[in-house]
Amino acid sequence: IGDPHVLSTALSFSTGPIETLETYDGASVEVEELEAVQITSVR
């Protein structure tokens, strides 16, 4: 939960988390910007 555009930008800059996950870990990463995210688990 946070500003969707700011959060997705923080992940997708060059040498950022998405590039690292895809290049070094061989993962595929999908980022969806959502109007409503529900977080129900608690600590």
PDB file of all heavy atoms in Angstrom:
ATOM      1  N   ILE A   1       0.846  -1.187   0.000  1.00  0.00           N
ATOM      2  CA  ILE A   1       0.000   0.000   0.000  1.00  0.00           C
ATOM      3  C   ILE A   1       0.883   1.240   0.000  1.00  0.00           C
ATOM      4  O   ILE A   1       1.833   1.341   0.782  1.00  0.00           O
ATOM      5  CB  ILE A   1      -0.960  -0.001   1.213  1.00  0.00           C
ATOM      6  CG1 ILE A   1      -1.975  -1.131   1.044  1.00  0.00           C
ATOM      7  CG2 ILE A   1      -1.657   1.354   1.356  1.00  0.00           C
ATOM      8  CD1 ILE A   1      -2.951  -1.283   2.179  1.00  0.00           C
ATOM      9  N   GLY A   2       0.571   2.147  -0.917  1.00  0.00           N
ATOM     10  CA  GLY A   2       1.308   3.396  -1.079  1.00  0.00           C
ATOM     11  C   GLY A   2       0.939   3.977  -2.436  1.00  0.00           C
ATOM     12  O   GLY A   2       0.025   3.479  -3.103  1.00  0.00           O
ATOM     13  N   ASP A   3       1.647   5.004  -2.879  1.00  0.00           N
ATOM     14  CA  ASP A   3       1.376   5.604  -4.178  1.00  0.00           C
ATOM     15  C   ASP A   3       1.775   4.612  -5.278  1.00  0.00           C
ATOM     16  O   ASP A   3       2.953   4.286  -5.417  1.00  0.00           O
ATOM     17  CB  ASP A   3       2.184   6.902  -4.311  1.00  0.00           C
ATOM     18  CG  ASP A   3       1.940   7.604  -5.632  1.00  0.00           C
ATOM     19  OD1 ASP A   3       2.082   6.960  -6.704  1.00  0.00           O
ATOM     20  OD2 ASP A   3       1.642   8.807  -5.605  1.00  0.00           O
ATOM     21  N   PRO A   4       0.798   4.105  -6.048  1.00  0.00           N
ATOM     22  CA  PRO A   4       1.085   3.053  -7.032  1.00  0.00           C
ATOM     23  C   PRO A   4       2.184   3.414  -8.036  1.00  0.00           C
ATOM     24  O   PRO A   4       3.066   2.601  -8.310  1.00  0.00           O
ATOM     25  CB  PRO A   4      -0.249   2.836  -7.748  1.00  0.00           C
ATOM     26  CG  PRO A   4      -1.282   3.338  -6.805  1.00  0.00           C
ATOM     27  CD  PRO A   4      -0.627   4.454  -6.052  1.00  0.00           C
ATOM     28  N   HIS A   5       2.146   4.639  -8.557  1.00  0.00           N
ATOM     29  CA  HIS A   5       3.131   5.041  -9.561  1.00  0.00           C
ATOM     30  C   HIS A   5       4.536   5.126  -8.952  1.00  0.00           C
ATOM     31  O   HIS A   5       5.509   4.641  -9.522  1.00  0.00           O
ATOM     32  CB  HIS A   5       2.739   6.369 -10.211  1.00  0.00           C
ATOM     33  CG  HIS A   5       3.728   6.812 -11.243  1.00  0.00           C
ATOM     34  ND1 HIS A   5       3.873   6.163 -12.453  1.00  0.00           N
ATOM     35  CD2 HIS A   5       4.640   7.820 -11.233  1.00  0.00           C
ATOM     36  CE1 HIS A   5       4.833   6.755 -13.148  1.00  0.00           C
ATOM     37  NE2 HIS A   5       5.312   7.763 -12.430  1.00  0.00           N
ATOM     38  N   VAL A   6       4.630   5.734  -7.781  1.00  0.00           N
ATOM     39  CA  VAL A   6       5.927   5.883  -7.107  1.00  0.00           C
ATOM     40  C   VAL A   6       6.503   4.504  -6.772  1.00  0.00           C
ATOM     41  O   VAL A   6       7.693   4.243  -6.975  1.00  0.00           O
ATOM     42  CB  VAL A   6       5.796   6.757  -5.833  1.00  0.00           C
ATOM     43  CG1 VAL A   6       7.087   6.761  -5.029  1.00  0.00           C
ATOM     44  CG2 VAL A   6       5.411   8.187  -6.209  1.00  0.00           C
ATOM     45  N   LEU A   7       5.649   3.601  -6.271  1.00  0.00           N
ATOM     46  CA  LEU A   7       6.112   2.259  -5.911  1.00  0.00           C
ATOM     47  C   LEU A   7       6.600   1.486  -7.141  1.00  0.00           C
ATOM     48  O   LEU A   7       7.662   0.853  -7.097  1.00  0.00           O
ATOM     49  CB  LEU A   7       5.000   1.476  -5.206  1.00  0.00           C
ATOM     50  CG  LEU A   7       4.558   2.020  -3.843  1.00  0.00           C
ATOM     51  CD1 LEU A   7       3.336   1.260  -3.344  1.00  0.00           C
ATOM     52  CD2 LEU A   7       5.685   1.949  -2.817  1.00  0.00           C
ATOM     53  N   SER A   8       5.845   1.526  -8.242  1.00  0.00           N
ATOM     54  CA  SER A   8       6.265   0.764  -9.419  1.00  0.00           C
ATOM     55  C   SER A   8       7.527   1.359 -10.035  1.00  0.00           C
ATOM     56  O   SER A   8       8.393   0.629 -10.517  1.00  0.00           O
ATOM     57  CB  SER A   8       5.138   0.641 -10.444  1.00  0.00           C
ATOM     58  OG  SER A   8       4.754   1.885 -10.921  1.00  0.00           O
ATOM     59  N   THR A   9       7.667   2.677  -9.969  1.00  0.00           N
ATOM     60  CA  THR A   9       8.884   3.325 -10.463  1.00  0.00           C
ATOM     61  C   THR A   9      10.096   2.903  -9.631  1.00  0.00           C
ATOM     62  O   THR A   9      11.183   2.688 -10.172  1.00  0.00           O
ATOM     63  CB  THR A   9       8.731   4.869 -10.437  1.00  0.00           C
ATOM     64  OG1 THR A   9       7.595   5.216 -11.227  1.00  0.00           O
ATOM     65  CG2 THR A   9       9.957   5.567 -10.985  1.00  0.00           C
ATOM     66  N   ALA A  10       9.910   2.758  -8.325  1.00  0.00           N
ATOM     67  CA  ALA A  10      11.005   2.373  -7.426  1.00  0.00           C
ATOM     68  C   ALA A  10      11.533   0.974  -7.736  1.00  0.00           C
ATOM     69  O   ALA A  10      12.667   0.647  -7.403  1.00  0.00           O
ATOM     70  CB  ALA A  10      10.536   2.442  -5.972  1.00  0.00           C
ATOM     71  N   LEU A  11      10.706   0.150  -8.363  1.00  0.00           N
ATOM     72  CA  LEU A  11      11.122  -1.214  -8.682  1.00  0.00           C
ATOM     73  C   LEU A  11      11.754  -1.337 -10.063  1.00  0.00           C
ATOM     74  O   LEU A  11      12.516  -2.261 -10.319  1.00  0.00           O
ATOM     75  CB  LEU A  11       9.917  -2.159  -8.614  1.00  0.00           C
ATOM     76  CG  LEU A  11       9.249  -2.291  -7.252  1.00  0.00           C
ATOM     77  CD1 LEU A  11       7.991  -3.137  -7.376  1.00  0.00           C
ATOM     78  CD2 LEU A  11      10.202  -2.883  -6.233  1.00  0.00           C
ATOM     79  N   SER A  12      11.425  -0.401 -10.955  1.00  0.00           N
ATOM     80  CA  SER A  12      11.757  -0.606 -12.362  1.00  0.00           C
ATOM     81  C   SER A  12      12.909   0.233 -12.900  1.00  0.00           C
ATOM     82  O   SER A  12      13.197   0.176 -14.084  1.00  0.00           O
ATOM     83  CB  SER A  12      10.506  -0.371 -13.216  1.00  0.00           C
ATOM     84  OG  SER A  12       9.991   0.921 -12.967  1.00  0.00           O
ATOM     85  N   PHE A  13      13.589   0.991 -12.040  1.00  0.00           N
ATOM     86  CA  PHE A  13      14.719   1.772 -12.553  1.00  0.00           C
ATOM     87  C   PHE A  13      15.864   0.832 -12.954  1.00  0.00           C
ATOM     88  O   PHE A  13      15.917  -0.314 -12.537  1.00  0.00           O
ATOM     89  CB  PHE A  13      15.178   2.821 -11.524  1.00  0.00           C
ATOM     90  CG  PHE A  13      15.783   2.252 -10.260  1.00  0.00           C
ATOM     91  CD1 PHE A  13      17.149   2.010 -10.175  1.00  0.00           C
ATOM     92  CD2 PHE A  13      14.988   1.977  -9.162  1.00  0.00           C
ATOM     93  CE1 PHE A  13      17.707   1.482  -9.014  1.00  0.00           C
ATOM     94  CE2 PHE A  13      15.530   1.447  -7.994  1.00  0.00           C
ATOM     95  CZ  PHE A  13      16.901   1.199  -7.935  1.00  0.00           C
ATOM     96  N   SER A  14      16.760   1.342 -13.799  1.00  0.00           N
ATOM     97  CA  SER A  14      17.889   0.542 -14.289  1.00  0.00           C
ATOM     98  C   SER A  14      18.726   0.048 -13.101  1.00  0.00           C
ATOM     99  O   SER A  14      19.010   0.813 -12.175  1.00  0.00           O
ATOM    100  CB  SER A  14      18.752   1.396 -15.213  1.00  0.00           C
ATOM    101  OG  SER A  14      19.817   0.640 -15.691  1.00  0.00           O
ATOM    102  N   THR A  15      19.086  -1.209 -13.098  1.00  0.00           N
ATOM    103  CA  THR A  15      19.803  -1.932 -12.027  1.00  0.00           C
ATOM    104  C   THR A  15      18.984  -2.039 -10.738  1.00  0.00           C
ATOM    105  O   THR A  15      19.535  -2.346  -9.682  1.00  0.00           O
ATOM    106  CB  THR A  15      21.199  -1.327 -11.704  1.00  0.00           C
ATOM    107  OG1 THR A  15      21.038  -0.078 -11.012  1.00  0.00           O
ATOM    108  CG2 THR A  15      22.048  -1.149 -12.960  1.00  0.00           C
ATOM    109  N   GLY A  16      17.684  -1.785 -10.817  1.00  0.00           N
ATOM    110  CA  GLY A  16      16.814  -1.875  -9.649  1.00  0.00           C
ATOM    111  C   GLY A  16      16.356  -3.300  -9.393  1.00  0.00           C
ATOM    112  O   GLY A  16      16.827  -4.253 -10.023  1.00  0.00           O
ATOM    113  N   PRO A  17      15.409  -3.463  -8.455  1.00  0.00           N
ATOM    114  CA  PRO A  17      14.954  -4.799  -8.046  1.00  0.00           C
ATOM    115  C   PRO A  17      14.453  -5.692  -9.183  1.00  0.00           C
ATOM    116  O   PRO A  17      14.789  -6.874  -9.227  1.00  0.00           O
ATOM    117  CB  PRO A  17      13.841  -4.506  -7.043  1.00  0.00           C
ATOM    118  CG  PRO A  17      14.188  -3.173  -6.478  1.00  0.00           C
ATOM    119  CD  PRO A  17      14.807  -2.417  -7.627  1.00  0.00           C
ATOM    120  N   ILE A  18      13.662  -5.153 -10.107  1.00  0.00           N
ATOM    121  CA  ILE A  18      13.123  -6.002 -11.177  1.00  0.00           C
ATOM    122  C   ILE A  18      14.248  -6.514 -12.059  1.00  0.00           C
ATOM    123  O   ILE A  18      14.329  -7.708 -12.355  1.00  0.00           O
ATOM    124  CB  ILE A  18      12.067  -5.241 -12.027  1.00  0.00           C
ATOM    125  CG1 ILE A  18      10.814  -4.995 -11.185  1.00  0.00           C
ATOM    126  CG2 ILE A  18      11.718  -6.032 -13.284  1.00  0.00           C
ATOM    127  CD1 ILE A  18       9.755  -4.156 -11.881  1.00  0.00           C
ATOM    128  N   GLU A  19      15.144  -5.603 -12.462  1.00  0.00           N
ATOM    129  CA  GLU A  19      16.261  -6.010 -13.315  1.00  0.00           C
ATOM    130  C   GLU A  19      17.125  -7.066 -12.611  1.00  0.00           C
ATOM    131  O   GLU A  19      17.553  -8.047 -13.225  1.00  0.00           O
ATOM    132  CB  GLU A  19      17.102  -4.792 -13.702  1.00  0.00           C
ATOM    133  CG  GLU A  19      18.128  -5.103 -14.779  1.00  0.00           C
ATOM    134  CD  GLU A  19      18.862  -3.862 -15.255  1.00  0.00           C
ATOM    135  OE1 GLU A  19      18.196  -2.914 -15.721  1.00  0.00           O
ATOM    136  OE2 GLU A  19      20.105  -3.848 -15.157  1.00  0.00           O
ATOM    137  N   THR A  20      17.385  -6.879 -11.335  1.00  0.00           N
ATOM    138  CA  THR A  20      18.185  -7.848 -10.566  1.00  0.00           C
ATOM    139  C   THR A  20      17.494  -9.207 -10.523  1.00  0.00           C
ATOM    140  O   THR A  20      18.123 -10.234 -10.784  1.00  0.00           O
ATOM    141  CB  THR A  20      18.419  -7.326  -9.123  1.00  0.00           C
ATOM    142  OG1 THR A  20      19.120  -6.089  -9.204  1.00  0.00           O
ATOM    143  CG2 THR A  20      19.215  -8.323  -8.294  1.00  0.00           C
ATOM    144  N   LEU A  21      16.200  -9.211 -10.199  1.00  0.00           N
ATOM    145  CA  LEU A  21      15.455 -10.477 -10.116  1.00  0.00           C
ATOM    146  C   LEU A  21      15.437 -11.197 -11.464  1.00  0.00           C
ATOM    147  O   LEU A  21      15.598 -12.411 -11.526  1.00  0.00           O
ATOM    148  CB  LEU A  21      14.025 -10.219  -9.638  1.00  0.00           C
ATOM    149  CG  LEU A  21      13.864  -9.927  -8.145  1.00  0.00           C
ATOM    150  CD1 LEU A  21      12.556  -9.203  -7.865  1.00  0.00           C
ATOM    151  CD2 LEU A  21      13.946 -11.217  -7.336  1.00  0.00           C
ATOM    152  N   GLU A  22      15.253 -10.442 -12.544  1.00  0.00           N
ATOM    153  CA  GLU A  22      15.157 -11.066 -13.865  1.00  0.00           C
ATOM    154  C   GLU A  22      16.527 -11.498 -14.393  1.00  0.00           C
ATOM    155  O   GLU A  22      16.680 -12.597 -14.931  1.00  0.00           O
ATOM    156  CB  GLU A  22      14.468 -10.112 -14.852  1.00  0.00           C
ATOM    157  CG  GLU A  22      12.997  -9.926 -14.510  1.00  0.00           C
ATOM    158  CD  GLU A  22      12.241  -8.979 -15.437  1.00  0.00           C
ATOM    159  OE1 GLU A  22      12.888  -8.200 -16.170  1.00  0.00           O
ATOM    160  OE2 GLU A  22      10.993  -9.030 -15.416  1.00  0.00           O
ATOM    161  N   THR A  23      17.537 -10.646 -14.216  1.00  0.00           N
ATOM    162  CA  THR A  23      18.848 -10.920 -14.784  1.00  0.00           C
ATOM    163  C   THR A  23      19.637 -11.951 -13.974  1.00  0.00           C
ATOM    164  O   THR A  23      20.195 -12.891 -14.539  1.00  0.00           O
ATOM    165  CB  THR A  23      19.675  -9.613 -14.878  1.00  0.00           C
ATOM    166  OG1 THR A  23      18.914  -8.661 -15.605  1.00  0.00           O
ATOM    167  CG2 THR A  23      20.999  -9.851 -15.586  1.00  0.00           C
ATOM    168  N   TYR A  24      19.683 -11.773 -12.661  1.00  0.00           N
ATOM    169  CA  TYR A  24      20.543 -12.627 -11.830  1.00  0.00           C
ATOM    170  C   TYR A  24      19.817 -13.830 -11.240  1.00  0.00           C
ATOM    171  O   TYR A  24      20.422 -14.858 -10.985  1.00  0.00           O
ATOM    172  CB  TYR A  24      21.192 -11.805 -10.713  1.00  0.00           C
ATOM    173  CG  TYR A  24      22.086 -10.719 -11.255  1.00  0.00           C
ATOM    174  CD1 TYR A  24      21.678  -9.399 -11.258  1.00  0.00           C
ATOM    175  CD2 TYR A  24      23.330 -11.031 -11.816  1.00  0.00           C
ATOM    176  CE1 TYR A  24      22.483  -8.399 -11.789  1.00  0.00           C
ATOM    177  CE2 TYR A  24      24.146 -10.049 -12.350  1.00  0.00           C
ATOM    178  CZ  TYR A  24      23.718  -8.734 -12.330  1.00  0.00           C
ATOM    179  OH  TYR A  24      24.515  -7.754 -12.861  1.00  0.00           O
ATOM    180  N   ASP A  25      18.505 -13.691 -11.001  1.00  0.00           N
ATOM    181  CA  ASP A  25      17.771 -14.783 -10.363  1.00  0.00           C
ATOM    182  C   ASP A  25      16.917 -15.564 -11.366  1.00  0.00           C
ATOM    183  O   ASP A  25      16.273 -16.537 -10.995  1.00  0.00           O
ATOM    184  CB  ASP A  25      16.872 -14.249  -9.246  1.00  0.00           C
ATOM    185  CG  ASP A  25      17.680 -13.619  -8.108  1.00  0.00           C
ATOM    186  OD1 ASP A  25      18.922 -13.697  -8.144  1.00  0.00           O
ATOM    187  OD2 ASP A  25      17.070 -13.048  -7.193  1.00  0.00           O
ATOM    188  N   GLY A  26      16.884 -15.117 -12.612  1.00  0.00           N
ATOM    189  CA  GLY A  26      16.112 -15.821 -13.639  1.00  0.00           C
ATOM    190  C   GLY A  26      14.611 -15.822 -13.392  1.00  0.00           C
ATOM    191  O   GLY A  26      13.898 -16.689 -13.885  1.00  0.00           O
ATOM    192  N   ALA A  27      14.125 -14.850 -12.629  1.00  0.00           N
ATOM    193  CA  ALA A  27      12.695 -14.801 -12.291  1.00  0.00           C
ATOM    194  C   ALA A  27      11.958 -13.924 -13.293  1.00  0.00           C
ATOM    195  O   ALA A  27      12.571 -13.109 -13.988  1.00  0.00           O
ATOM    196  CB  ALA A  27      12.511 -14.240 -10.888  1.00  0.00           C
ATOM    197  N   SER A  28      10.647 -14.086 -13.357  1.00  0.00           N
ATOM    198  CA  SER A  28       9.841 -13.122 -14.100  1.00  0.00           C
ATOM    199  C   SER A  28       9.074 -12.303 -13.057  1.00  0.00           C
ATOM    200  O   SER A  28       8.637 -12.829 -12.034  1.00  0.00           O
ATOM    201  CB  SER A  28       8.897 -13.811 -15.081  1.00  0.00           C
ATOM    202  OG  SER A  28       7.977 -14.612 -14.396  1.00  0.00           O
ATOM    203  N   VAL A  29       8.970 -11.007 -13.327  1.00  0.00           N
ATOM    204  CA  VAL A  29       8.362 -10.098 -12.365  1.00  0.00           C
ATOM    205  C   VAL A  29       7.246  -9.322 -13.051  1.00  0.00           C
ATOM    206  O   VAL A  29       7.441  -8.751 -14.112  1.00  0.00           O
ATOM    207  CB  VAL A  29       9.401  -9.102 -11.804  1.00  0.00           C
ATOM    208  CG1 VAL A  29       8.757  -8.189 -10.760  1.00  0.00           C
ATOM    209  CG2 VAL A  29      10.595  -9.832 -11.208  1.00  0.00           C
ATOM    210  N   GLU A  30       6.067  -9.338 -12.427  1.00  0.00           N
ATOM    211  CA  GLU A  30       4.930  -8.571 -12.926  1.00  0.00           C
ATOM    212  C   GLU A  30       4.525  -7.579 -11.841  1.00  0.00           C
ATOM    213  O   GLU A  30       4.386  -7.954 -10.683  1.00  0.00           O
ATOM    214  CB  GLU A  30       3.766  -9.513 -13.243  1.00  0.00           C
ATOM    215  CG  GLU A  30       2.544  -8.804 -13.788  1.00  0.00           C
ATOM    216  CD  GLU A  30       1.333  -9.716 -13.926  1.00  0.00           C
ATOM    217  OE1 GLU A  30       1.467 -10.935 -13.691  1.00  0.00           O
ATOM    218  OE2 GLU A  30       0.250  -9.209 -14.245  1.00  0.00           O
ATOM    219  N   VAL A  31       4.350  -6.312 -12.228  1.00  0.00           N
ATOM    220  CA  VAL A  31       3.915  -5.284 -11.278  1.00  0.00           C
ATOM    221  C   VAL A  31       2.585  -4.725 -11.767  1.00  0.00           C
ATOM    222  O   VAL A  31       2.475  -4.271 -12.895  1.00  0.00           O
ATOM    223  CB  VAL A  31       4.948  -4.137 -11.164  1.00  0.00           C
ATOM    224  CG1 VAL A  31       4.450  -3.072 -10.193  1.00  0.00           C
ATOM    225  CG2 VAL A  31       6.299  -4.674 -10.723  1.00  0.00           C
ATOM    226  N   GLU A  32       1.571  -4.799 -10.902  1.00  0.00           N
ATOM    227  CA  GLU A  32       0.258  -4.245 -11.225  1.00  0.00           C
ATOM    228  C   GLU A  32      -0.005  -3.055 -10.303  1.00  0.00           C
ATOM    229  O   GLU A  32       0.124  -3.180  -9.092  1.00  0.00           O
ATOM    230  CB  GLU A  32      -0.841  -5.280 -10.978  1.00  0.00           C
ATOM    231  CG  GLU A  32      -0.703  -6.572 -11.757  1.00  0.00           C
ATOM    232  CD  GLU A  32      -1.614  -7.642 -11.167  1.00  0.00           C
ATOM    233  OE1 GLU A  32      -2.823  -7.622 -11.494  1.00  0.00           O
ATOM    234  OE2 GLU A  32      -1.118  -8.457 -10.365  1.00  0.00           O
ATOM    235  N   GLU A  33      -0.369  -1.906 -10.901  1.00  0.00           N
ATOM    236  CA  GLU A  33      -0.781  -0.759 -10.097  1.00  0.00           C
ATOM    237  C   GLU A  33      -2.276  -0.898  -9.833  1.00  0.00           C
ATOM    238  O   GLU A  33      -3.049  -1.094 -10.762  1.00  0.00           O
ATOM    239  CB  GLU A  33      -0.477   0.552 -10.845  1.00  0.00           C
ATOM    240  CG  GLU A  33       1.004   0.801 -11.017  1.00  0.00           C
ATOM    241  CD  GLU A  33       1.323   2.173 -11.604  1.00  0.00           C
ATOM    242  OE1 GLU A  33       0.447   3.068 -11.588  1.00  0.00           O
ATOM    243  OE2 GLU A  33       2.453   2.336 -12.087  1.00  0.00           O
ATOM    244  N   LEU A  34      -2.671  -0.826  -8.564  1.00  0.00           N
ATOM    245  CA  LEU A  34      -4.059  -1.090  -8.180  1.00  0.00           C
ATOM    246  C   LEU A  34      -4.665   0.075  -7.410  1.00  0.00           C
ATOM    247  O   LEU A  34      -3.979   0.721  -6.613  1.00  0.00           O
ATOM    248  CB  LEU A  34      -4.125  -2.362  -7.321  1.00  0.00           C
ATOM    249  CG  LEU A  34      -3.539  -3.630  -7.959  1.00  0.00           C
ATOM    250  CD1 LEU A  34      -3.416  -4.729  -6.922  1.00  0.00           C
ATOM    251  CD2 LEU A  34      -4.409  -4.080  -9.112  1.00  0.00           C
ATOM    252  N   GLU A  35      -5.958   0.295  -7.627  1.00  0.00           N
ATOM    253  CA  GLU A  35      -6.665   1.338  -6.872  1.00  0.00           C
ATOM    254  C   GLU A  35      -6.926   0.897  -5.440  1.00  0.00           C
ATOM    255  O   GLU A  35      -7.024   1.727  -4.537  1.00  0.00           O
ATOM    256  CB  GLU A  35      -7.992   1.675  -7.554  1.00  0.00           C
ATOM    257  CG  GLU A  35      -7.830   2.446  -8.848  1.00  0.00           C
ATOM    258  CD  GLU A  35      -9.172   2.752  -9.501  1.00  0.00           C
ATOM    259  OE1 GLU A  35     -10.193   2.785  -8.783  1.00  0.00           O
ATOM    260  OE2 GLU A  35      -9.180   2.944 -10.722  1.00  0.00           O
ATOM    261  N   ALA A  36      -7.084  -0.428  -5.256  1.00  0.00           N
ATOM    262  CA  ALA A  36      -7.360  -0.929  -3.910  1.00  0.00           C
ATOM    263  C   ALA A  36      -6.592  -2.219  -3.653  1.00  0.00           C
ATOM    264  O   ALA A  36      -6.724  -3.190  -4.391  1.00  0.00           O
ATOM    265  CB  ALA A  36      -8.848  -1.168  -3.726  1.00  0.00           C
ATOM    266  N   VAL A  37      -5.775  -2.190  -2.630  1.00  0.00           N
ATOM    267  CA  VAL A  37      -5.050  -3.366  -2.157  1.00  0.00           C
ATOM    268  C   VAL A  37      -5.569  -3.641  -0.754  1.00  0.00           C
ATOM    269  O   VAL A  37      -5.672  -2.720   0.056  1.00  0.00           O
ATOM    270  CB  VAL A  37      -3.519  -3.095  -2.113  1.00  0.00           C
ATOM    271  CG1 VAL A  37      -2.785  -4.245  -1.458  1.00  0.00           C
ATOM    272  CG2 VAL A  37      -2.979  -2.823  -3.505  1.00  0.00           C
ATOM    273  N   GLN A  38      -5.911  -4.902  -0.481  1.00  0.00           N
ATOM    274  CA  GLN A  38      -6.362  -5.262   0.866  1.00  0.00           C
ATOM    275  C   GLN A  38      -5.307  -6.132   1.517  1.00  0.00           C
ATOM    276  O   GLN A  38      -4.918  -7.162   0.972  1.00  0.00           O
ATOM    277  CB  GLN A  38      -7.687  -6.009   0.816  1.00  0.00           C
ATOM    278  CG  GLN A  38      -8.848  -5.124   0.439  1.00  0.00           C
ATOM    279  CD  GLN A  38     -10.175  -5.791   0.701  1.00  0.00           C
ATOM    280  OE1 GLN A  38     -10.326  -6.993   0.525  1.00  0.00           O
ATOM    281  NE2 GLN A  38     -11.146  -5.001   1.115  1.00  0.00           N
ATOM    282  N   ILE A  39      -4.858  -5.703   2.681  1.00  0.00           N
ATOM    283  CA  ILE A  39      -3.881  -6.465   3.459  1.00  0.00           C
ATOM    284  C   ILE A  39      -4.580  -6.863   4.747  1.00  0.00           C
ATOM    285  O   ILE A  39      -4.933  -6.014   5.562  1.00  0.00           O
ATOM    286  CB  ILE A  39      -2.612  -5.634   3.712  1.00  0.00           C
ATOM    287  CG1 ILE A  39      -1.918  -5.356   2.373  1.00  0.00           C
ATOM    288  CG2 ILE A  39      -1.693  -6.340   4.692  1.00  0.00           C
ATOM    289  CD1 ILE A  39      -0.672  -4.510   2.473  1.00  0.00           C
ATOM    290  N   THR A  40      -4.818  -8.169   4.888  1.00  0.00           N
ATOM    291  CA  THR A  40      -5.613  -8.636   6.027  1.00  0.00           C
ATOM    292  C   THR A  40      -4.779  -9.283   7.133  1.00  0.00           C
ATOM    293  O   THR A  40      -5.237  -9.380   8.262  1.00  0.00           O
ATOM    294  CB  THR A  40      -6.680  -9.641   5.549  1.00  0.00           C
ATOM    295  OG1 THR A  40      -6.022 -10.694   4.836  1.00  0.00           O
ATOM    296  CG2 THR A  40      -7.698  -8.969   4.629  1.00  0.00           C
ATOM    297  N   SER A  41      -3.578  -9.743   6.797  1.00  0.00           N
ATOM    298  CA  SER A  41      -2.762 -10.384   7.840  1.00  0.00           C
ATOM    299  C   SER A  41      -2.259  -9.320   8.815  1.00  0.00           C
ATOM    300  O   SER A  41      -2.094  -8.162   8.457  1.00  0.00           O
ATOM    301  CB  SER A  41      -1.590 -11.147   7.217  1.00  0.00           C
ATOM    302  OG  SER A  41      -0.725 -10.255   6.552  1.00  0.00           O
ATOM    303  N   VAL A  42      -2.045  -9.736  10.044  1.00  0.00           N
ATOM    304  CA  VAL A  42      -1.543  -8.820  11.077  1.00  0.00           C
ATOM    305  C   VAL A  42      -0.378  -9.479  11.812  1.00  0.00           C
ATOM    306  O   VAL A  42      -0.217 -10.693  11.793  1.00  0.00           O
ATOM    307  CB  VAL A  42      -2.652  -8.425  12.091  1.00  0.00           C
ATOM    308  CG1 VAL A  42      -3.740  -7.611  11.407  1.00  0.00           C
ATOM    309  CG2 VAL A  42      -3.248  -9.634  12.765  1.00  0.00           C
ATOM    310  N   ARG A  43       0.408  -8.652  12.443  1.00  0.00           N
ATOM    311  CA  ARG A  43       1.554  -9.135  13.225  1.00  0.00           C
ATOM    312  C   ARG A  43       1.163  -9.205  14.700  1.00  0.00           C
ATOM    313  O   ARG A  43       0.322  -8.440  15.155  1.00  0.00           O
ATOM    314  CB  ARG A  43       2.744  -8.187  13.064  1.00  0.00           C
ATOM    315  CG  ARG A  43       3.254  -8.133  11.626  1.00  0.00           C
ATOM    316  CD  ARG A  43       4.410  -7.172  11.485  1.00  0.00           C
ATOM    317  NE  ARG A  43       5.580  -7.561  12.244  1.00  0.00           N
ATOM    318  CZ  ARG A  43       6.437  -8.501  11.874  1.00  0.00           C
ATOM    319  NH1 ARG A  43       6.243  -9.164  10.757  1.00  0.00           N
ATOM    320  NH2 ARG A  43       7.490  -8.792  12.615  1.00  0.00           N
TER     321      ARG A  43
END
